[in-house]
Amino acid sequence: MDPTHQIELAGFPPEVQVTHEEGPGGLLLRARSAGRGLELLITAEALGMYGEGPAVSLGLSQLLRAVEAGLPDIEPGVSPARVVFVGD
């Protein structure tokens, strides 16, 4: 599954760049804007339990809420803050 279309439909402001990266641990979604950012990891277990489409939709909703509330600063040389969405 390619979440690019879901990202396009999620309604992020134009100044916020949202990317995704699939890995063995799951799907990593990143939201960044002007030195601020947040990562959200949807674990492979969560993707399997909830289904890829619904899990990505929920993850993007969480990122959008974080954008609206104000993304945390990214300190130079440090990865952005990360939230993890796990399966039950």
PDB file of N, CA and C in Angstrom:
ATOM      1  N   MET A   1       0.835  -1.187   0.000  1.00  0.00           N
ATOM      2  CA  MET A   1       0.000   0.000   0.000  1.00  0.00           C
ATOM      3  C   MET A   1       0.877   1.247   0.000  1.00  0.00           C
ATOM      4  N   ASP A   2       0.483   2.223  -0.770  1.00  0.00           N
ATOM      5  CA  ASP A   2       1.196   3.493  -0.818  1.00  0.00           C
ATOM      6  C   ASP A   2       0.298   4.561  -0.203  1.00  0.00           C
ATOM      7  N   PRO A   3       0.662   5.099   0.968  1.00  0.00           N
ATOM      8  CA  PRO A   3      -0.187   6.089   1.647  1.00  0.00           C
ATOM      9  C   PRO A   3      -0.139   7.493   1.050  1.00  0.00           C
ATOM     10  N   THR A   4       0.548   7.680  -0.062  1.00  0.00           N
ATOM     11  CA  THR A   4       0.685   9.015  -0.653  1.00  0.00           C
ATOM     12  C   THR A   4      -0.673   9.666  -0.901  1.00  0.00           C
ATOM     13  N   HIS A   5      -1.610   8.916  -1.440  1.00  0.00           N
ATOM     14  CA  HIS A   5      -2.933   9.477  -1.727  1.00  0.00           C
ATOM     15  C   HIS A   5      -3.649   9.886  -0.440  1.00  0.00           C
ATOM     16  N   GLN A   6      -3.546   9.060   0.600  1.00  0.00           N
ATOM     17  CA  GLN A   6      -4.172   9.416   1.874  1.00  0.00           C
ATOM     18  C   GLN A   6      -3.551  10.685   2.451  1.00  0.00           C
ATOM     19  N   ILE A   7      -2.243  10.842   2.290  1.00  0.00           N
ATOM     20  CA  ILE A   7      -1.570  12.057   2.769  1.00  0.00           C
ATOM     21  C   ILE A   7      -2.116  13.274   2.027  1.00  0.00           C
ATOM     22  N   GLU A   8      -2.280  13.150   0.716  1.00  0.00           N
ATOM     23  CA  GLU A   8      -2.799  14.256  -0.084  1.00  0.00           C
ATOM     24  C   GLU A   8      -4.211  14.654   0.347  1.00  0.00           C
ATOM     25  N   LEU A   9      -5.011  13.686   0.750  1.00  0.00           N
ATOM     26  CA  LEU A   9      -6.401  13.949   1.135  1.00  0.00           C
ATOM     27  C   LEU A   9      -6.570  14.405   2.585  1.00  0.00           C
ATOM     28  N   ALA A  10      -5.523  14.294   3.384  1.00  0.00           N
ATOM     29  CA  ALA A  10      -5.640  14.535   4.825  1.00  0.00           C
ATOM     30  C   ALA A  10      -5.853  15.996   5.200  1.00  0.00           C
ATOM     31  N   GLY A  11      -5.526  16.927   4.311  1.00  0.00           N
ATOM     32  CA  GLY A  11      -5.802  18.333   4.603  1.00  0.00           C
ATOM     33  C   GLY A  11      -4.717  19.053   5.378  1.00  0.00           C
ATOM     34  N   PHE A  12      -3.464  18.638   5.219  1.00  0.00           N
ATOM     35  CA  PHE A  12      -2.380  19.354   5.889  1.00  0.00           C
ATOM     36  C   PHE A  12      -2.173  20.714   5.237  1.00  0.00           C
ATOM     37  N   PRO A  13      -1.781  21.714   6.027  1.00  0.00           N
ATOM     38  CA  PRO A  13      -1.483  23.025   5.445  1.00  0.00           C
ATOM     39  C   PRO A  13      -0.344  22.907   4.436  1.00  0.00           C
ATOM     40  N   PRO A  14      -0.311  23.768   3.426  1.00  0.00           N
ATOM     41  CA  PRO A  14       0.713  23.661   2.380  1.00  0.00           C
ATOM     42  C   PRO A  14       2.145  23.782   2.893  1.00  0.00           C
ATOM     43  N   GLU A  15       2.342  24.464   4.005  1.00  0.00           N
ATOM     44  CA  GLU A  15       3.707  24.641   4.521  1.00  0.00           C
ATOM     45  C   GLU A  15       4.220  23.420   5.290  1.00  0.00           C
ATOM     46  N   VAL A  16       3.372  22.435   5.505  1.00  0.00           N
ATOM     47  CA  VAL A  16       3.753  21.219   6.234  1.00  0.00           C
ATOM     48  C   VAL A  16       4.045  20.115   5.227  1.00  0.00           C
ATOM     49  N   GLN A  17       5.248  19.563   5.316  1.00  0.00           N
ATOM     50  CA  GLN A  17       5.641  18.451   4.462  1.00  0.00           C
ATOM     51  C   GLN A  17       5.394  17.149   5.222  1.00  0.00           C
ATOM     52  N   VAL A  18       4.599  16.272   4.641  1.00  0.00           N
ATOM     53  CA  VAL A  18       4.325  14.970   5.249  1.00  0.00           C
ATOM     54  C   VAL A  18       4.889  13.902   4.327  1.00  0.00           C
ATOM     55  N   THR A  19       5.730  13.042   4.898  1.00  0.00           N
ATOM     56  CA  THR A  19       6.340  11.961   4.138  1.00  0.00           C
ATOM     57  C   THR A  19       6.078  10.641   4.850  1.00  0.00           C
ATOM     58  N   HIS A  20       6.387   9.559   4.153  1.00  0.00           N
ATOM     59  CA  HIS A  20       6.231   8.235   4.755  1.00  0.00           C
ATOM     60  C   HIS A  20       7.400   7.359   4.349  1.00  0.00           C
ATOM     61  N   GLU A  21       7.670   6.372   5.187  1.00  0.00           N
ATOM     62  CA  GLU A  21       8.751   5.431   4.937  1.00  0.00           C
ATOM     63  C   GLU A  21       8.344   4.086   5.525  1.00  0.00           C
ATOM     64  N   GLU A  22       8.371   3.059   4.694  1.00  0.00           N
ATOM     65  CA  GLU A  22       8.037   1.722   5.175  1.00  0.00           C
ATOM     66  C   GLU A  22       9.316   1.017   5.586  1.00  0.00           C
ATOM     67  N   GLY A  23       9.235   0.296   6.693  1.00  0.00           N
ATOM     68  CA  GLY A  23      10.371  -0.470   7.178  1.00  0.00           C
ATOM     69  C   GLY A  23       9.901  -1.726   7.862  1.00  0.00           C
ATOM     70  N   PRO A  24      10.834  -2.524   8.355  1.00  0.00           N
ATOM     71  CA  PRO A  24      10.452  -3.784   8.986  1.00  0.00           C
ATOM     72  C   PRO A  24       9.612  -3.597  10.255  1.00  0.00           C
ATOM     73  N   GLY A  25       9.752  -2.456  10.903  1.00  0.00           N
ATOM     74  CA  GLY A  25       8.990  -2.201  12.128  1.00  0.00           C
ATOM     75  C   GLY A  25       7.604  -1.658  11.883  1.00  0.00           C
ATOM     76  N   GLY A  26       7.313  -1.248  10.635  1.00  0.00           N
ATOM     77  CA  GLY A  26       6.012  -0.681  10.322  1.00  0.00           C
ATOM     78  C   GLY A  26       6.138   0.490   9.367  1.00  0.00           C
ATOM     79  N   LEU A  27       5.224   1.423   9.492  1.00  0.00           N
ATOM     80  CA  LEU A  27       5.165   2.588   8.611  1.00  0.00           C
ATOM     81  C   LEU A  27       5.441   3.841   9.434  1.00  0.00           C
ATOM     82  N   LEU A  28       6.435   4.602   9.012  1.00  0.00           N
ATOM     83  CA  LEU A  28       6.802   5.829   9.694  1.00  0.00           C
ATOM     84  C   LEU A  28       6.253   7.013   8.903  1.00  0.00           C
ATOM     85  N   LEU A  29       5.420   7.826   9.549  1.00  0.00           N
ATOM     86  CA  LEU A  29       4.885   9.052   8.962  1.00  0.00           C
ATOM     87  C   LEU A  29       5.623  10.230   9.598  1.00  0.00           C
ATOM     88  N   ARG A  30       6.009  11.211   8.779  1.00  0.00           N
ATOM     89  CA  ARG A  30       6.717  12.379   9.296  1.00  0.00           C
ATOM     90  C   ARG A  30       6.006  13.654   8.855  1.00  0.00           C
ATOM     91  N   ALA A  31       5.829  14.568   9.793  1.00  0.00           N
ATOM     92  CA  ALA A  31       5.298  15.898   9.486  1.00  0.00           C
ATOM     93  C   ALA A  31       6.364  16.904   9.908  1.00  0.00           C
ATOM     94  N   ARG A  32       6.733  17.800   8.968  1.00  0.00           N
ATOM     95  CA  ARG A  32       7.764  18.804   9.255  1.00  0.00           C
ATOM     96  C   ARG A  32       7.365  20.154   8.681  1.00  0.00           C
ATOM     97  N   SER A  33       7.764  21.191   9.411  1.00  0.00           N
ATOM     98  CA  SER A  33       7.511  22.555   8.947  1.00  0.00           C
ATOM     99  C   SER A  33       8.408  23.510   9.726  1.00  0.00           C
ATOM    100  N   ALA A  34       9.255  24.229   9.023  1.00  0.00           N
ATOM    101  CA  ALA A  34      10.050  25.325   9.589  1.00  0.00           C
ATOM    102  C   ALA A  34      10.742  24.969  10.907  1.00  0.00           C
ATOM    103  N   GLY A  35      11.567  23.924  10.897  1.00  0.00           N
ATOM    104  CA  GLY A  35      12.323  23.556  12.097  1.00  0.00           C
ATOM    105  C   GLY A  35      11.513  22.852  13.163  1.00  0.00           C
ATOM    106  N   ARG A  36      10.324  22.459  12.838  1.00  0.00           N
ATOM    107  CA  ARG A  36       9.454  21.731  13.772  1.00  0.00           C
ATOM    108  C   ARG A  36       9.063  20.418  13.112  1.00  0.00           C
ATOM    109  N   GLY A  37       8.745  19.418  13.939  1.00  0.00           N
ATOM    110  CA  GLY A  37       8.338  18.161  13.337  1.00  0.00           C
ATOM    111  C   GLY A  37       7.937  17.115  14.346  1.00  0.00           C
ATOM    112  N   LEU A  38       7.316  16.072  13.824  1.00  0.00           N
ATOM    113  CA  LEU A  38       6.871  14.940  14.631  1.00  0.00           C
ATOM    114  C   LEU A  38       6.848  13.719  13.734  1.00  0.00           C
ATOM    115  N   GLU A  39       7.270  12.589  14.293  1.00  0.00           N
ATOM    116  CA  GLU A  39       7.192  11.312  13.594  1.00  0.00           C
ATOM    117  C   GLU A  39       6.157  10.447  14.287  1.00  0.00           C
ATOM    118  N   LEU A  40       5.440   9.674  13.499  1.00  0.00           N
ATOM    119  CA  LEU A  40       4.466   8.731  14.049  1.00  0.00           C
ATOM    120  C   LEU A  40       4.735   7.382  13.410  1.00  0.00           C
ATOM    121  N   LEU A  41       5.096   6.396  14.239  1.00  0.00           N
ATOM    122  CA  LEU A  41       5.351   5.043  13.768  1.00  0.00           C
ATOM    123  C   LEU A  41       4.102   4.207  13.998  1.00  0.00           C
ATOM    124  N   ILE A  42       3.583   3.654  12.917  1.00  0.00           N
ATOM    125  CA  ILE A  42       2.474   2.704  13.006  1.00  0.00           C
ATOM    126  C   ILE A  42       3.126   1.330  12.909  1.00  0.00           C
ATOM    127  N   THR A  43       3.120   0.576  13.996  1.00  0.00           N
ATOM    128  CA  THR A  43       3.824  -0.702  14.007  1.00  0.00           C
ATOM    129  C   THR A  43       3.196  -1.687  13.027  1.00  0.00           C
ATOM    130  N   ALA A  44       3.985  -2.666  12.630  1.00  0.00           N
ATOM    131  CA  ALA A  44       3.500  -3.713  11.726  1.00  0.00           C
ATOM    132  C   ALA A  44       2.310  -4.434  12.359  1.00  0.00           C
ATOM    133  N   GLU A  45       2.337  -4.607  13.668  1.00  0.00           N
ATOM    134  CA  GLU A  45       1.223  -5.258  14.369  1.00  0.00           C
ATOM    135  C   GLU A  45      -0.054  -4.435  14.250  1.00  0.00           C
ATOM    136  N   ALA A  46       0.060  -3.112  14.397  1.00  0.00           N
ATOM    137  CA  ALA A  46      -1.117  -2.244  14.272  1.00  0.00           C
ATOM    138  C   ALA A  46      -1.653  -2.261  12.848  1.00  0.00           C
ATOM    139  N   LEU A  47      -0.744  -2.245  11.866  1.00  0.00           N
ATOM    140  CA  LEU A  47      -1.183  -2.299  10.467  1.00  0.00           C
ATOM    141  C   LEU A  47      -1.951  -3.591  10.198  1.00  0.00           C
ATOM    142  N   GLY A  48      -1.460  -4.694  10.740  1.00  0.00           N
ATOM    143  CA  GLY A  48      -2.139  -5.981  10.554  1.00  0.00           C
ATOM    144  C   GLY A  48      -3.451  -6.060  11.301  1.00  0.00           C
ATOM    145  N   MET A  49      -3.493  -5.511  12.496  1.00  0.00           N
ATOM    146  CA  MET A  49      -4.687  -5.606  13.338  1.00  0.00           C
ATOM    147  C   MET A  49      -5.828  -4.731  12.827  1.00  0.00           C
ATOM    148  N   TYR A  50      -5.514  -3.507  12.452  1.00  0.00           N
ATOM    149  CA  TYR A  50      -6.554  -2.548  12.074  1.00  0.00           C
ATOM    150  C   TYR A  50      -6.755  -2.426  10.563  1.00  0.00           C
ATOM    151  N   GLY A  51      -5.801  -2.959   9.800  1.00  0.00           N
ATOM    152  CA  GLY A  51      -5.827  -2.790   8.357  1.00  0.00           C
ATOM    153  C   GLY A  51      -5.006  -1.566   7.995  1.00  0.00           C
ATOM    154  N   GLU A  52      -4.338  -1.635   6.858  1.00  0.00           N
ATOM    155  CA  GLU A  52      -3.432  -0.552   6.485  1.00  0.00           C
ATOM    156  C   GLU A  52      -4.159   0.770   6.270  1.00  0.00           C
ATOM    157  N   GLY A  53      -5.247   0.759   5.533  1.00  0.00           N
ATOM    158  CA  GLY A  53      -5.975   2.001   5.258  1.00  0.00           C
ATOM    159  C   GLY A  53      -6.460   2.689   6.521  1.00  0.00           C
ATOM    160  N   PRO A  54      -7.205   1.975   7.391  1.00  0.00           N
ATOM    161  CA  PRO A  54      -7.676   2.615   8.617  1.00  0.00           C
ATOM    162  C   PRO A  54      -6.548   3.052   9.557  1.00  0.00           C
ATOM    163  N   ALA A  55      -5.478   2.267   9.651  1.00  0.00           N
ATOM    164  CA  ALA A  55      -4.368   2.632  10.537  1.00  0.00           C
ATOM    165  C   ALA A  55      -3.665   3.896  10.040  1.00  0.00           C
ATOM    166  N   VAL A  56      -3.445   3.989   8.722  1.00  0.00           N
ATOM    167  CA  VAL A  56      -2.808   5.176   8.155  1.00  0.00           C
ATOM    168  C   VAL A  56      -3.720   6.390   8.332  1.00  0.00           C
ATOM    169  N   SER A  57      -5.001   6.223   8.112  1.00  0.00           N
ATOM    170  CA  SER A  57      -5.954   7.313   8.290  1.00  0.00           C
ATOM    171  C   SER A  57      -5.916   7.834   9.727  1.00  0.00           C
ATOM    172  N   LEU A  58      -5.908   6.924  10.692  1.00  0.00           N
ATOM    173  CA  LEU A  58      -5.848   7.328  12.095  1.00  0.00           C
ATOM    174  C   LEU A  58      -4.524   8.022  12.405  1.00  0.00           C
ATOM    175  N   GLY A  59      -3.425   7.491  11.872  1.00  0.00           N
ATOM    176  CA  GLY A  59      -2.126   8.117  12.093  1.00  0.00           C
ATOM    177  C   GLY A  59      -2.064   9.520  11.524  1.00  0.00           C
ATOM    178  N   LEU A  60      -2.589   9.685  10.323  1.00  0.00           N
ATOM    179  CA  LEU A  60      -2.603  11.018   9.711  1.00  0.00           C
ATOM    180  C   LEU A  60      -3.490  11.983  10.492  1.00  0.00           C
ATOM    181  N   SER A  61      -4.597  11.485  11.033  1.00  0.00           N
ATOM    182  CA  SER A  61      -5.461  12.335  11.874  1.00  0.00           C
ATOM    183  C   SER A  61      -4.705  12.821  13.103  1.00  0.00           C
ATOM    184  N   GLN A  62      -3.917  11.923  13.708  1.00  0.00           N
ATOM    185  CA  GLN A  62      -3.118  12.294  14.882  1.00  0.00           C
ATOM    186  C   GLN A  62      -2.065  13.348  14.500  1.00  0.00           C
ATOM    187  N   LEU A  63      -1.402  13.143  13.360  1.00  0.00           N
ATOM    188  CA  LEU A  63      -0.409  14.127  12.914  1.00  0.00           C
ATOM    189  C   LEU A  63      -1.053  15.481  12.631  1.00  0.00           C
ATOM    190  N   LEU A  64      -2.217  15.471  12.015  1.00  0.00           N
ATOM    191  CA  LEU A  64      -2.904  16.726  11.712  1.00  0.00           C
ATOM    192  C   LEU A  64      -3.264  17.462  13.006  1.00  0.00           C
ATOM    193  N   ARG A  65      -3.712  16.742  14.012  1.00  0.00           N
ATOM    194  CA  ARG A  65      -4.001  17.378  15.312  1.00  0.00           C
ATOM    195  C   ARG A  65      -2.733  17.982  15.909  1.00  0.00           C
ATOM    196  N   ALA A  66      -1.611  17.272  15.761  1.00  0.00           N
ATOM    197  CA  ALA A  66      -0.341  17.798  16.277  1.00  0.00           C
ATOM    198  C   ALA A  66       0.071  19.057  15.519  1.00  0.00           C
ATOM    199  N   VAL A  67      -0.139  19.075  14.214  1.00  0.00           N
ATOM    200  CA  VAL A  67       0.163  20.266  13.413  1.00  0.00           C
ATOM    201  C   VAL A  67      -0.693  21.437  13.883  1.00  0.00           C
ATOM    202  N   GLU A  68      -1.973  21.193  14.079  1.00  0.00           N
ATOM    203  CA  GLU A  68      -2.888  22.253  14.509  1.00  0.00           C
ATOM    204  C   GLU A  68      -2.536  22.764  15.900  1.00  0.00           C
ATOM    205  N   ALA A  69      -2.040  21.884  16.775  1.00  0.00           N
ATOM    206  CA  ALA A  69      -1.661  22.281  18.131  1.00  0.00           C
ATOM    207  C   ALA A  69      -0.281  22.929  18.169  1.00  0.00           C
ATOM    208  N   GLY A  70       0.520  22.674  17.144  1.00  0.00           N
ATOM    209  CA  GLY A  70       1.887  23.208  17.082  1.00  0.00           C
ATOM    210  C   GLY A  70       2.901  22.087  17.219  1.00  0.00           C
ATOM    211  N   LEU A  71       3.610  21.815  16.146  1.00  0.00           N
ATOM    212  CA  LEU A  71       4.616  20.755  16.168  1.00  0.00           C
ATOM    213  C   LEU A  71       5.751  21.119  17.115  1.00  0.00           C
ATOM    214  N   PRO A  72       6.363  20.114  17.763  1.00  0.00           N
ATOM    215  CA  PRO A  72       7.513  20.411  18.625  1.00  0.00           C
ATOM    216  C   PRO A  72       8.732  20.819  17.804  1.00  0.00           C
ATOM    217  N   ASP A  73       9.597  21.611  18.411  1.00  0.00           N
ATOM    218  CA  ASP A  73      10.845  22.016  17.758  1.00  0.00           C
ATOM    219  C   ASP A  73      11.726  20.794  17.535  1.00  0.00           C
ATOM    220  N   ILE A  74      12.495  20.834  16.449  1.00  0.00           N
ATOM    221  CA  ILE A  74      13.510  19.818  16.192  1.00  0.00           C
ATOM    222  C   ILE A  74      14.857  20.450  16.521  1.00  0.00           C
ATOM    223  N   GLU A  75      15.547  19.889  17.480  1.00  0.00           N
ATOM    224  CA  GLU A  75      16.855  20.415  17.847  1.00  0.00           C
ATOM    225  C   GLU A  75      17.894  19.920  16.847  1.00  0.00           C
ATOM    226  N   PRO A  76      18.850  20.769  16.481  1.00  0.00           N
ATOM    227  CA  PRO A  76      19.877  20.363  15.516  1.00  0.00           C
ATOM    228  C   PRO A  76      20.589  19.090  15.965  1.00  0.00           C
ATOM    229  N   GLY A  77      20.737  18.153  15.042  1.00  0.00           N
ATOM    230  CA  GLY A  77      21.425  16.901  15.330  1.00  0.00           C
ATOM    231  C   GLY A  77      20.605  15.880  16.088  1.00  0.00           C
ATOM    232  N   VAL A  78      19.330  16.187  16.327  1.00  0.00           N
ATOM    233  CA  VAL A  78      18.460  15.277  17.079  1.00  0.00           C
ATOM    234  C   VAL A  78      17.261  14.929  16.210  1.00  0.00           C
ATOM    235  N   SER A  79      16.823  13.684  16.275  1.00  0.00           N
ATOM    236  CA  SER A  79      15.631  13.276  15.528  1.00  0.00           C
ATOM    237  C   SER A  79      14.398  13.943  16.110  1.00  0.00           C
ATOM    238  N   PRO A  80      13.366  14.133  15.286  1.00  0.00           N
ATOM    239  CA  PRO A  80      12.116  14.703  15.810  1.00  0.00           C
ATOM    240  C   PRO A  80      11.484  13.788  16.860  1.00  0.00           C
ATOM    241  N   ALA A  81      10.613  14.353  17.652  1.00  0.00           N
ATOM    242  CA  ALA A  81       9.876  13.546  18.627  1.00  0.00           C
ATOM    243  C   ALA A  81       9.110  12.474  17.876  1.00  0.00           C
ATOM    244  N   ARG A  82       8.910  11.320  18.529  1.00  0.00           N
ATOM    245  CA  ARG A  82       8.221  10.204  17.868  1.00  0.00           C
ATOM    246  C   ARG A  82       7.109   9.684  18.771  1.00  0.00           C
ATOM    247  N   VAL A  83       5.982   9.417  18.120  1.00  0.00           N
ATOM    248  CA  VAL A  83       4.825   8.785  18.753  1.00  0.00           C
ATOM    249  C   VAL A  83       4.686   7.421  18.098  1.00  0.00           C
ATOM    250  N   VAL A  84       4.297   6.402  18.879  1.00  0.00           N
ATOM    251  CA  VAL A  84       4.172   5.052  18.339  1.00  0.00           C
ATOM    252  C   VAL A  84       2.738   4.572  18.493  1.00  0.00           C
ATOM    253  N   PHE A  85       2.170   4.080  17.401  1.00  0.00           N
ATOM    254  CA  PHE A  85       0.821   3.516  17.367  1.00  0.00           C
ATOM    255  C   PHE A  85       0.982   1.996  17.282  1.00  0.00           C
ATOM    256  N   VAL A  86       0.652   1.304  18.363  1.00  0.00           N
ATOM    257  CA  VAL A  86       0.853  -0.152  18.440  1.00  0.00           C
ATOM    258  C   VAL A  86      -0.471  -0.876  18.373  1.00  0.00           C
ATOM    259  N   GLY A  87      -0.426  -2.137  17.996  1.00  0.00           N
ATOM    260  CA  GLY A  87      -1.609  -2.994  18.042  1.00  0.00           C
ATOM    261  C   GLY A  87      -1.850  -3.458  19.462  1.00  0.00           C
ATOM    262  N   ASP A  88      -3.075  -3.793  19.774  1.00  0.00           N
ATOM    263  CA  ASP A  88      -3.409  -4.281  21.123  1.00  0.00           C
ATOM    264  C   ASP A  88      -2.953  -5.705  21.309  1.00  0.00           C
TER     265      ASP A  88
END
